[in-house]
N, C-alpha and C. Protein backbone atom coordinates (compact mmCIF):
# COMPACT_ATOMS: atom_id res chain seq x y z
N UNK A 1 -32.24 -20.57 54.32
CA UNK A 1 -31.38 -20.80 52.76
C UNK A 1 -32.36 -21.44 51.64
N UNK A 2 -33.31 -22.14 52.15
CA UNK A 2 -34.07 -22.54 51.14
C UNK A 2 -35.09 -21.51 50.70
N UNK A 3 -35.42 -20.59 51.08
CA UNK A 3 -36.13 -19.07 50.42
C UNK A 3 -34.72 -18.30 49.53
N UNK A 4 -33.62 -18.65 49.40
CA UNK A 4 -33.18 -18.07 48.93
C UNK A 4 -32.70 -18.16 47.05
N UNK A 5 -32.66 -20.20 47.53
CA UNK A 5 -33.18 -20.08 45.93
C UNK A 5 -34.08 -19.84 45.36
N UNK A 6 -35.13 -20.00 46.20
CA UNK A 6 -36.11 -19.84 45.25
C UNK A 6 -36.34 -18.41 44.86
N UNK A 7 -36.00 -17.57 45.47
CA UNK A 7 -36.15 -16.10 45.04
C UNK A 7 -35.15 -15.73 44.16
N UNK A 8 -34.40 -16.39 43.91
CA UNK A 8 -33.10 -16.26 42.57
C UNK A 8 -33.56 -16.78 41.39
N UNK A 9 -34.89 -16.01 40.67
CA UNK A 9 -35.07 -16.56 39.43
C UNK A 9 -34.53 -16.10 37.95
N UNK A 10 -33.06 -15.25 37.91
CA UNK A 10 -32.53 -14.41 36.93
C UNK A 10 -32.62 -13.18 36.72
N UNK A 11 -32.22 -12.48 35.55
CA UNK A 11 -32.45 -10.84 34.86
C UNK A 11 -33.78 -10.70 34.91
N UNK A 12 -33.89 -9.42 35.05
CA UNK A 12 -35.59 -8.84 34.78
C UNK A 12 -35.73 -8.89 33.42
N UNK A 13 -36.52 -8.56 32.64
CA UNK A 13 -36.43 -7.92 30.88
C UNK A 13 -35.60 -6.81 31.13
N UNK A 14 -36.21 -5.86 31.73
CA UNK A 14 -35.74 -4.93 32.35
C UNK A 14 -34.31 -4.78 32.30
N UNK A 15 -33.42 -5.05 33.17
CA UNK A 15 -32.57 -5.43 33.49
C UNK A 15 -31.25 -5.81 31.93
N UNK A 16 -31.95 -6.69 31.14
CA UNK A 16 -31.35 -6.72 30.30
C UNK A 16 -31.30 -6.15 28.83
N UNK A 17 -32.50 -5.37 29.20
CA UNK A 17 -32.86 -4.31 27.87
C UNK A 17 -31.45 -3.01 28.41
N UNK A 18 -31.31 -2.76 29.05
CA UNK A 18 -30.32 -1.22 30.16
C UNK A 18 -29.37 -2.32 29.17
N UNK A 19 -28.98 -3.57 29.98
CA UNK A 19 -27.61 -4.06 29.55
C UNK A 19 -27.40 -4.09 27.84
N UNK A 20 -28.19 -4.53 26.96
CA UNK A 20 -28.04 -4.53 25.71
C UNK A 20 -28.09 -2.75 24.86
N UNK A 21 -28.68 -1.70 25.78
CA UNK A 21 -28.84 -0.74 25.36
C UNK A 21 -27.36 -0.31 25.61
N UNK A 22 -26.45 -0.28 26.59
CA UNK A 22 -25.89 0.17 27.00
C UNK A 22 -24.42 -0.61 26.05
N UNK A 23 -24.68 -1.89 25.61
CA UNK A 23 -23.78 -2.79 24.70
C UNK A 23 -23.86 -1.80 23.02
N UNK A 24 -24.93 -1.91 23.00
CA UNK A 24 -25.23 -0.75 22.22
C UNK A 24 -24.55 0.58 21.33
N UNK A 25 -24.44 1.23 23.00
CA UNK A 25 -24.13 2.85 22.57
C UNK A 25 -22.38 2.29 22.96
N UNK A 26 -22.02 1.28 23.20
CA UNK A 26 -20.20 1.24 23.34
C UNK A 26 -20.02 1.15 22.21
N UNK A 27 -20.89 0.22 21.03
CA UNK A 27 -20.72 -0.52 20.03
C UNK A 27 -20.86 1.05 19.08
N UNK A 28 -22.12 1.90 19.16
CA UNK A 28 -21.72 3.15 18.61
C UNK A 28 -20.29 3.85 18.29
N UNK A 29 -20.08 4.14 19.86
CA UNK A 29 -18.74 4.89 19.89
C UNK A 29 -17.66 4.93 19.58
N UNK A 30 -17.61 3.30 19.40
CA UNK A 30 -16.26 2.78 19.45
C UNK A 30 -16.10 2.48 17.77
N UNK A 31 -16.83 2.18 17.30
CA UNK A 31 -16.58 1.41 15.64
C UNK A 31 -16.16 2.57 14.76
N UNK A 32 -16.00 3.45 15.19
CA UNK A 32 -15.59 4.96 14.22
C UNK A 32 -14.25 4.85 14.45
N UNK A 33 -13.93 4.69 15.83
CA UNK A 33 -12.17 4.73 16.15
C UNK A 33 -11.53 3.59 16.17
N UNK A 34 -12.03 2.22 15.91
CA UNK A 34 -11.89 0.83 15.79
C UNK A 34 -11.30 1.31 13.98
N UNK A 35 -12.08 2.06 13.20
CA UNK A 35 -12.08 1.68 11.54
C UNK A 35 -10.79 2.79 11.52
N UNK A 36 -10.91 3.73 12.44
CA UNK A 36 -9.40 4.73 12.62
C UNK A 36 -8.23 4.31 12.64
N UNK A 37 -8.18 2.36 13.38
CA UNK A 37 -7.23 2.52 13.80
C UNK A 37 -6.67 1.64 13.12
N UNK A 38 -7.35 0.54 12.39
CA UNK A 38 -7.18 -0.48 11.24
C UNK A 38 -6.34 0.50 10.10
N UNK A 39 -7.20 1.65 9.57
CA UNK A 39 -6.75 2.67 8.53
C UNK A 39 -5.71 2.98 8.90
N UNK A 40 -4.68 3.38 9.56
CA UNK A 40 -3.42 3.78 10.12
C UNK A 40 -3.08 2.70 10.45
N UNK A 41 -3.58 1.56 10.50
CA UNK A 41 -2.41 0.37 10.44
C UNK A 41 -2.03 0.58 9.14
N UNK A 42 -3.23 0.22 8.10
CA UNK A 42 -2.84 0.04 6.67
C UNK A 42 -1.92 1.66 5.81
N UNK A 43 -2.02 2.44 6.30
CA UNK A 43 -0.99 3.40 6.15
C UNK A 43 0.76 2.81 6.56
N UNK A 44 0.65 2.68 7.84
CA UNK A 44 1.76 2.29 8.83
C UNK A 44 1.92 1.06 7.67
N UNK A 45 1.39 0.51 6.93
CA UNK A 45 2.12 -0.78 5.98
C UNK A 45 2.41 -0.40 4.96
N UNK A 46 2.19 0.45 4.56
CA UNK A 46 2.15 1.51 3.25
C UNK A 46 3.27 1.73 2.94
N UNK A 47 3.49 2.87 4.18
CA UNK A 47 4.94 3.25 4.27
C UNK A 47 6.01 2.42 4.61
N UNK A 48 6.10 1.27 5.28
CA UNK A 48 7.04 0.68 5.12
C UNK A 48 7.27 -0.31 3.99
N UNK A 49 6.52 -0.19 3.03
CA UNK A 49 6.89 -0.57 2.26
C UNK A 49 6.92 0.27 0.70
N UNK A 50 6.91 1.43 1.18
CA UNK A 50 7.49 2.18 0.31
C UNK A 50 9.13 2.45 0.86
N UNK A 51 9.26 2.68 2.11
CA UNK A 51 10.59 2.49 3.06
C UNK A 51 11.55 1.17 1.89
N UNK A 52 10.63 0.27 2.08
CA UNK A 52 11.67 -0.99 1.41
C UNK A 52 12.12 -0.62 -0.17
N UNK A 53 10.91 0.10 -1.02
CA UNK A 53 11.19 0.52 -2.36
C UNK A 53 12.17 1.23 -1.87
N UNK A 54 11.83 2.06 -1.55
CA UNK A 54 13.50 3.36 -1.56
C UNK A 54 14.71 2.64 -1.23
N UNK A 55 14.55 1.36 0.09
CA UNK A 55 16.15 1.14 -0.03
C UNK A 55 16.42 0.18 -0.99
N UNK A 56 15.81 -0.34 -1.58
CA UNK A 56 16.14 -1.40 -3.24
C UNK A 56 16.57 -0.24 -4.20
N UNK A 57 15.58 1.07 -4.17
CA UNK A 57 16.22 2.02 -5.12
C UNK A 57 17.58 2.49 -5.05
N UNK A 58 18.20 2.55 -3.88
CA UNK A 58 18.90 3.54 -3.54
C UNK A 58 20.47 2.16 -3.71
N UNK A 59 19.68 0.88 -3.07
CA UNK A 59 20.80 0.09 -3.41
C UNK A 59 20.88 -0.17 -5.21
N UNK A 60 20.11 -0.20 -5.47
CA UNK A 60 20.30 -1.00 -7.31
C UNK A 60 20.87 0.41 -7.60
N UNK A 61 20.28 1.92 -7.74
CA UNK A 61 21.20 3.01 -8.02
C UNK A 61 22.39 2.85 -7.91
N UNK A 62 22.88 2.83 -6.27
CA UNK A 62 24.24 2.27 -6.29
C UNK A 62 25.42 2.19 -7.13
N UNK A 63 24.57 0.80 -6.87
CA UNK A 63 25.06 -0.38 -8.28
C UNK A 63 25.21 0.13 -9.71
N UNK A 64 24.40 0.18 -10.28
CA UNK A 64 23.73 0.36 -11.46
C UNK A 64 22.88 1.72 -11.66
N UNK A 65 23.82 2.74 -11.68
CA UNK A 65 22.56 4.03 -11.82
C UNK A 65 21.80 4.72 -12.69
N UNK A 66 20.53 4.50 -12.67
CA UNK A 66 19.32 5.29 -13.80
C UNK A 66 19.85 6.27 -14.17
N UNK A 67 20.89 7.22 -13.70
CA UNK A 67 20.34 8.79 -14.21
C UNK A 67 20.52 9.76 -13.42
N UNK A 68 20.30 10.85 -13.31
CA UNK A 68 19.73 12.01 -13.42
C UNK A 68 18.65 12.79 -13.60
N UNK A 69 17.96 13.11 -12.73
CA UNK A 69 16.95 13.76 -13.19
C UNK A 69 15.48 12.97 -13.73
N UNK A 70 15.43 11.84 -13.60
CA UNK A 70 14.49 10.64 -14.63
C UNK A 70 13.15 10.37 -12.61
N UNK A 71 12.12 10.06 -13.70
CA UNK A 71 11.61 9.46 -12.47
C UNK A 71 10.95 8.06 -13.47
N UNK A 72 10.25 7.45 -12.42
CA UNK A 72 9.95 5.87 -12.89
C UNK A 72 7.92 5.99 -11.96
N UNK A 73 7.06 5.75 -12.78
CA UNK A 73 6.19 5.70 -12.02
C UNK A 73 6.23 4.26 -11.61
N UNK A 74 5.62 3.48 -10.92
CA UNK A 74 5.60 2.25 -10.36
C UNK A 74 3.93 2.14 -9.77
N UNK A 75 3.45 1.62 -11.05
CA UNK A 75 1.69 1.34 -10.54
C UNK A 75 1.13 -0.47 -10.33
N UNK A 76 0.76 -0.61 -10.83
CA UNK A 76 0.37 -2.13 -10.72
C UNK A 76 -0.04 -2.65 -11.88
N UNK A 77 0.02 -3.89 -12.01
CA UNK A 77 -0.23 -4.80 -13.56
C UNK A 77 -1.64 -4.81 -13.34
N UNK A 78 -1.70 -4.66 -15.13
CA UNK A 78 -3.01 -4.77 -15.70
C UNK A 78 -4.07 -5.76 -15.11
N UNK A 79 -4.95 -5.59 -14.64
CA UNK A 79 -6.04 -6.78 -14.50
C UNK A 79 -5.60 -8.19 -15.08
N UNK A 80 -5.43 -9.29 -14.63
CA UNK A 80 -5.27 -10.27 -15.41
C UNK A 80 -4.08 -11.03 -16.12
N UNK A 81 -3.54 -9.84 -15.23
CA UNK A 81 -1.62 -10.41 -15.74
C UNK A 81 -1.31 -10.67 -14.17
N UNK A 82 -1.61 -11.30 -14.02
CA UNK A 82 -1.55 -12.07 -12.48
C UNK A 82 -2.08 -11.36 -11.65
N UNK A 83 -1.22 -11.77 -10.38
CA UNK A 83 -1.83 -11.38 -8.87
C UNK A 83 -1.29 -9.71 -8.66
N UNK A 84 -2.03 -8.69 -8.36
CA UNK A 84 -1.50 -7.65 -8.19
C UNK A 84 -0.84 -7.16 -6.88
N UNK A 85 -1.30 -7.92 -6.03
CA UNK A 85 -0.08 -7.41 -5.31
C UNK A 85 0.88 -7.98 -5.09
N UNK A 86 1.70 -8.43 -6.02
CA UNK A 86 3.23 -8.75 -6.19
C UNK A 86 3.49 -8.73 -7.35
N UNK A 87 3.07 -7.71 -8.06
CA UNK A 87 3.56 -7.68 -9.56
C UNK A 87 3.48 -5.75 -9.54
N UNK A 88 4.30 -5.25 -10.02
CA UNK A 88 3.91 -3.89 -10.55
C UNK A 88 4.85 -3.41 -11.58
N UNK A 89 4.08 -2.15 -12.70
CA UNK A 89 4.60 -2.04 -14.04
C UNK A 89 6.06 -0.62 -13.82
N UNK A 90 6.54 -0.64 -14.19
CA UNK A 90 7.58 0.51 -14.39
C UNK A 90 7.24 0.92 -15.42
N UNK A 91 7.12 2.35 -15.05
CA UNK A 91 7.14 3.13 -17.12
C UNK A 91 7.93 4.40 -16.71
N UNK A 92 8.75 4.32 -17.86
CA UNK A 92 9.87 5.58 -18.31
C UNK A 92 9.27 5.83 -19.39
N UNK A 93 9.52 7.36 -19.60
CA UNK A 93 9.28 7.36 -21.18
C UNK A 93 8.39 7.07 -21.91
N UNK A 94 7.56 6.74 -21.45
CA UNK A 94 5.88 6.12 -22.30
C UNK A 94 6.23 4.72 -22.36
N UNK A 95 7.08 4.20 -22.36
CA UNK A 95 7.20 2.50 -22.35
C UNK A 95 6.87 1.68 -21.11
N UNK A 96 6.30 0.60 -21.17
CA UNK A 96 5.84 0.04 -20.16
C UNK A 96 6.89 -1.43 -19.66
N UNK A 97 7.58 -1.42 -18.33
CA UNK A 97 7.48 -2.60 -18.51
C UNK A 97 7.10 -3.58 -17.04
N UNK A 98 6.99 -4.86 -16.76
CA UNK A 98 6.34 -5.41 -15.81
C UNK A 98 7.13 -6.00 -14.52
N UNK A 99 7.92 -5.55 -13.93
CA UNK A 99 8.75 -5.79 -12.49
C UNK A 99 7.97 -6.58 -11.85
N UNK A 100 8.45 -8.11 -11.93
CA UNK A 100 7.95 -9.18 -11.11
C UNK A 100 8.43 -9.80 -9.81
N UNK A 101 8.24 -10.36 -9.14
CA UNK A 101 9.21 -11.46 -8.17
C UNK A 101 10.30 -12.05 -9.20
N UNK A 102 11.99 -12.05 -8.30
CA UNK A 102 12.83 -12.05 -9.02
C UNK A 102 12.72 -13.68 -9.86
N UNK A 103 11.96 -14.97 -9.34
CA UNK A 103 11.98 -16.48 -9.76
C UNK A 103 11.03 -15.85 -11.16
N UNK A 104 10.26 -14.58 -11.73
CA UNK A 104 10.26 -14.62 -13.45
C UNK A 104 11.52 -13.60 -13.90
N UNK A 105 11.21 -13.89 -14.96
CA UNK A 105 12.60 -13.52 -15.88
C UNK A 105 11.57 -12.07 -16.39
N UNK A 106 12.69 -11.29 -16.17
CA UNK A 106 11.73 -9.45 -16.72
C UNK A 106 13.27 -9.12 -17.71
N UNK A 107 13.43 -8.44 -19.07
CA UNK A 107 14.31 -7.68 -20.07
C UNK A 107 13.86 -6.16 -20.02
N UNK A 108 14.70 -5.43 -19.85
CA UNK A 108 14.73 -4.29 -19.54
C UNK A 108 14.70 -3.69 -20.94
N UNK A 109 14.68 -2.67 -21.06
CA UNK A 109 14.70 -1.37 -22.30
C UNK A 109 14.42 -0.07 -22.38
N UNK A 110 15.05 0.34 -23.08
CA UNK A 110 14.80 2.23 -23.00
C UNK A 110 15.67 3.04 -21.77
N UNK A 111 16.86 2.61 -21.96
CA UNK A 111 17.62 3.12 -20.77
C UNK A 111 17.64 2.59 -19.69
N UNK A 112 16.52 1.63 -18.62
CA UNK A 112 16.48 1.33 -17.40
C UNK A 112 17.39 -0.13 -18.13
N UNK A 113 18.62 -0.75 -17.25
CA UNK A 113 19.26 -1.35 -17.22
C UNK A 113 18.61 -2.34 -16.87
N UNK A 114 18.65 -3.87 -17.25
CA UNK A 114 18.68 -5.65 -16.26
C UNK A 114 18.67 -5.35 -15.19
N UNK A 115 20.34 -4.53 -15.28
CA UNK A 115 20.78 -4.72 -13.74
C UNK A 115 20.26 -3.68 -12.59
N UNK A 116 19.70 -2.82 -12.75
CA UNK A 116 18.93 -1.98 -11.98
C UNK A 116 17.91 -2.83 -11.46
N UNK A 117 16.88 -3.75 -12.35
CA UNK A 117 15.85 -4.31 -12.29
C UNK A 117 16.02 -5.28 -11.68
N UNK A 118 17.21 -5.88 -11.63
CA UNK A 118 17.54 -7.08 -11.46
C UNK A 118 17.90 -6.58 -9.90
N UNK A 119 18.80 -5.63 -9.43
CA UNK A 119 18.98 -5.36 -7.83
C UNK A 119 17.85 -5.10 -7.69
N UNK A 120 16.64 -4.25 -8.26
CA UNK A 120 15.27 -3.97 -7.41
C UNK A 120 14.94 -5.16 -6.95
N UNK A 121 14.54 -6.29 -7.64
CA UNK A 121 14.03 -7.50 -7.56
C UNK A 121 14.59 -8.17 -6.46
N UNK A 122 16.04 -8.14 -6.23
CA UNK A 122 16.74 -9.05 -5.38
C UNK A 122 16.16 -8.36 -3.96
N UNK A 123 16.00 -7.09 -3.84
CA UNK A 123 15.81 -6.52 -2.43
C UNK A 123 14.40 -6.56 -2.31
N UNK A 124 13.66 -6.17 -2.75
CA UNK A 124 12.40 -6.13 -2.88
C UNK A 124 11.18 -7.71 -3.11
N UNK A 125 11.64 -8.82 -3.97
CA UNK A 125 10.91 -9.95 -4.09
C UNK A 125 9.19 -9.57 -4.46
N UNK A 126 8.23 -9.74 -3.07
CA UNK A 126 7.16 -9.80 -3.22
C UNK A 126 6.83 -8.41 -2.09
N UNK A 127 5.96 -7.27 -2.45
CA UNK A 127 5.60 -6.29 -1.22
C UNK A 127 3.93 -6.36 -1.50
N UNK A 128 3.13 -5.52 -1.00
CA UNK A 128 2.08 -5.22 -1.06
C UNK A 128 1.83 -3.84 -0.32
N UNK A 129 0.81 -3.32 -1.47
CA UNK A 129 0.41 -1.97 -0.72
C UNK A 129 -1.21 -2.24 0.14
N UNK A 130 -1.21 -1.90 1.11
CA UNK A 130 -2.71 -2.15 2.06
C UNK A 130 -3.76 -1.74 1.51
N UNK A 131 -3.84 -0.37 1.44
CA UNK A 131 -4.91 0.84 1.01
C UNK A 131 -4.36 1.33 -0.30
N UNK A 132 -5.28 1.09 -1.33
CA UNK A 132 -5.32 1.88 -2.62
C UNK A 132 -6.44 2.24 -2.95
N UNK A 133 -6.29 3.14 -4.10
CA UNK A 133 -7.70 3.98 -4.38
C UNK A 133 -8.40 3.24 -5.87
N UNK A 134 -8.93 2.54 -5.95
CA UNK A 134 -9.92 2.46 -7.13
C UNK A 134 -10.67 3.41 -7.77
N UNK A 135 -10.69 3.51 -8.84
CA UNK A 135 -11.35 3.89 -9.47
C UNK A 135 -12.10 3.37 -11.04
N UNK A 136 -13.62 3.56 -10.97
CA UNK A 136 -14.16 2.38 -12.41
C UNK A 136 -13.05 3.12 -13.85
N UNK A 137 -13.16 2.52 -14.63
CA UNK A 137 -12.00 2.86 -16.02
C UNK A 137 -13.33 1.75 -16.76
N UNK A 138 -13.87 2.61 -17.76
CA UNK A 138 -14.63 1.75 -18.67
C UNK A 138 -15.43 0.71 -17.30
N UNK A 139 -15.42 -0.54 -18.43
CA UNK A 139 -15.73 -1.68 -17.56
C UNK A 139 -14.41 -2.35 -16.94
N UNK A 140 -13.22 -1.99 -16.53
CA UNK A 140 -12.33 -2.54 -15.71
C UNK A 140 -11.91 -1.36 -14.56
N UNK A 141 -11.49 -1.32 -13.65
CA UNK A 141 -11.46 -0.40 -12.59
C UNK A 141 -9.90 -0.60 -12.79
N UNK A 142 -9.53 0.69 -12.41
CA UNK A 142 -8.33 1.47 -12.42
C UNK A 142 -7.83 1.49 -11.25
N UNK A 143 -6.33 1.34 -10.80
CA UNK A 143 -5.88 1.12 -9.23
C UNK A 143 -5.32 2.80 -9.72
N UNK A 144 -6.37 3.76 -8.98
CA UNK A 144 -4.73 5.23 -9.55
C UNK A 144 -3.38 5.09 -8.27
N UNK A 145 -3.45 4.53 -7.45
CA UNK A 145 -2.50 4.45 -6.58
C UNK A 145 -0.96 4.49 -7.12
N UNK A 146 -0.54 4.93 -6.84
CA UNK A 146 0.90 5.02 -7.76
C UNK A 146 2.02 5.16 -7.09
N UNK A 147 3.05 4.68 -7.17
CA UNK A 147 4.32 4.75 -6.31
C UNK A 147 5.20 5.73 -7.32
N UNK A 148 5.78 6.81 -7.65
CA UNK A 148 6.67 7.76 -8.55
C UNK A 148 8.31 7.29 -7.55
N UNK A 149 9.32 6.94 -8.51
CA UNK A 149 10.24 6.50 -7.86
C UNK A 149 10.90 7.62 -9.23
N UNK A 150 12.00 8.72 -8.19
CA UNK A 150 12.41 9.84 -9.05
C UNK A 150 14.21 10.00 -8.71
N UNK A 151 14.80 10.76 -9.54
CA UNK A 151 16.31 10.98 -8.92
C UNK A 151 16.29 12.36 -9.63
N UNK A 152 16.87 13.17 -8.44
CA UNK A 152 17.35 14.58 -8.98
C UNK A 152 18.21 15.19 -9.40
N UNK A 153 18.89 16.23 -10.20
CA UNK A 153 20.26 16.32 -10.72
C UNK A 153 21.22 16.24 -9.82
N UNK A 154 21.36 15.94 -8.75
CA UNK A 154 22.63 15.18 -8.33
C UNK A 154 22.34 13.96 -8.10
N UNK A 155 21.30 12.85 -8.36
CA UNK A 155 21.30 11.57 -8.06
C UNK A 155 20.40 10.97 -7.57
N UNK A 156 20.38 12.31 -5.99
CA UNK A 156 19.34 11.71 -5.14
C UNK A 156 18.48 11.14 -5.22
N UNK A 157 17.95 9.64 -4.94
CA UNK A 157 16.07 9.13 -5.23
C UNK A 157 15.76 9.22 -4.04
N UNK A 158 14.15 9.88 -4.39
CA UNK A 158 12.84 9.82 -3.55
C UNK A 158 12.24 9.17 -4.14
N UNK A 159 10.87 8.31 -3.11
CA UNK A 159 9.71 7.59 -3.67
C UNK A 159 8.47 8.50 -3.20
N UNK A 160 7.34 8.21 -3.40
CA UNK A 160 5.90 9.04 -3.61
C UNK A 160 5.18 8.45 -3.18
N UNK A 161 4.21 7.86 -2.48
CA UNK A 161 3.33 6.79 -2.13
C UNK A 161 2.42 8.07 -2.98
N UNK A 162 2.10 8.29 -3.97
CA UNK A 162 0.59 9.14 -4.07
C UNK A 162 -0.75 7.88 -4.32
N UNK A 163 -1.80 8.19 -3.31
CA UNK A 163 -2.54 7.78 -3.38
C UNK A 163 -3.65 8.32 -4.32
N UNK A 164 -3.92 9.92 -4.38
CA UNK A 164 -4.86 9.81 -5.31
C UNK A 164 -4.14 9.81 -7.07
N UNK A 165 -3.06 9.75 -7.30
CA UNK A 165 -2.61 9.14 -8.32
C UNK A 165 -2.55 10.53 -9.73
N UNK A 166 -2.22 11.56 -8.58
CA UNK A 166 -2.10 12.97 -9.37
C UNK A 166 -0.43 13.32 -9.81
N UNK A 167 0.29 12.73 -9.00
CA UNK A 167 1.60 12.22 -9.57
C UNK A 167 2.32 13.63 -8.60
N UNK A 168 1.40 14.37 -7.37
CA UNK A 168 1.92 15.62 -6.77
C UNK A 168 1.88 15.01 -5.07
N UNK A 169 2.94 15.31 -3.87
CA UNK A 169 2.82 14.90 -3.07
C UNK A 169 1.02 16.08 -2.35
N UNK A 170 0.23 15.18 -1.60
CA UNK A 170 -0.60 15.82 -1.21
C UNK A 170 -1.58 14.97 -0.24
N UNK A 171 -2.13 15.63 0.70
CA UNK A 171 -3.39 14.84 1.77
C UNK A 171 -2.67 13.55 2.34
N UNK A 172 -2.50 12.50 2.36
CA UNK A 172 -2.65 11.40 2.62
C UNK A 172 -0.90 10.86 2.03
N UNK A 173 -0.51 11.32 1.21
CA UNK A 173 0.34 11.16 0.55
C UNK A 173 1.81 10.45 1.18
N UNK A 174 2.87 9.89 1.08
CA UNK A 174 3.73 9.53 1.91
C UNK A 174 5.12 9.70 0.53
N UNK A 175 5.68 10.52 0.95
CA UNK A 175 7.05 10.26 0.33
C UNK A 175 8.75 10.36 1.52
N UNK A 176 9.97 9.31 0.73
CA UNK A 176 10.93 9.36 1.23
C UNK A 176 11.52 9.83 0.38
N UNK A 177 13.16 10.56 0.53
CA UNK A 177 14.05 10.72 0.12
C UNK A 177 15.42 11.01 0.91
N UNK A 178 16.23 10.93 -0.06
CA UNK A 178 17.60 10.91 0.08
C UNK A 178 18.11 12.53 1.00
């Protein structure tokens, strides 16, 4: 019995190097998969945010229609205008409004009724996109990811999550429509 205790001296250097090498190989092979899963989770979260916006727009359009063949681009508030995860701008016909959480007041102009904005705010509150594309624009980075809310000639609402900001659905873009 005594000889067993004396011979138990721990792991050899070779055994430790083999274990570290195996852990390194596992880390190298699993890291890309982990980042893919994280990105998929972000995209799924963004799609849920778009579905919420779609629901808010449908409800607001029923109560206070914005008209047929209209398009609203929902982007982010300008840097310094507040928390960009809880504010976005609504742009239509060249004019811009900031749609903010419902505890802040917002005035509507140019054909977008205050009632429509209030209905959207009541449903939305705060929302956040997890994945956004940012491009440098002069000294201030420009977030090119946008959300386009549109109605067709029959008044049906559709929402497009446009990651690259080109205004059309392609690649990883996501859309919901009636």
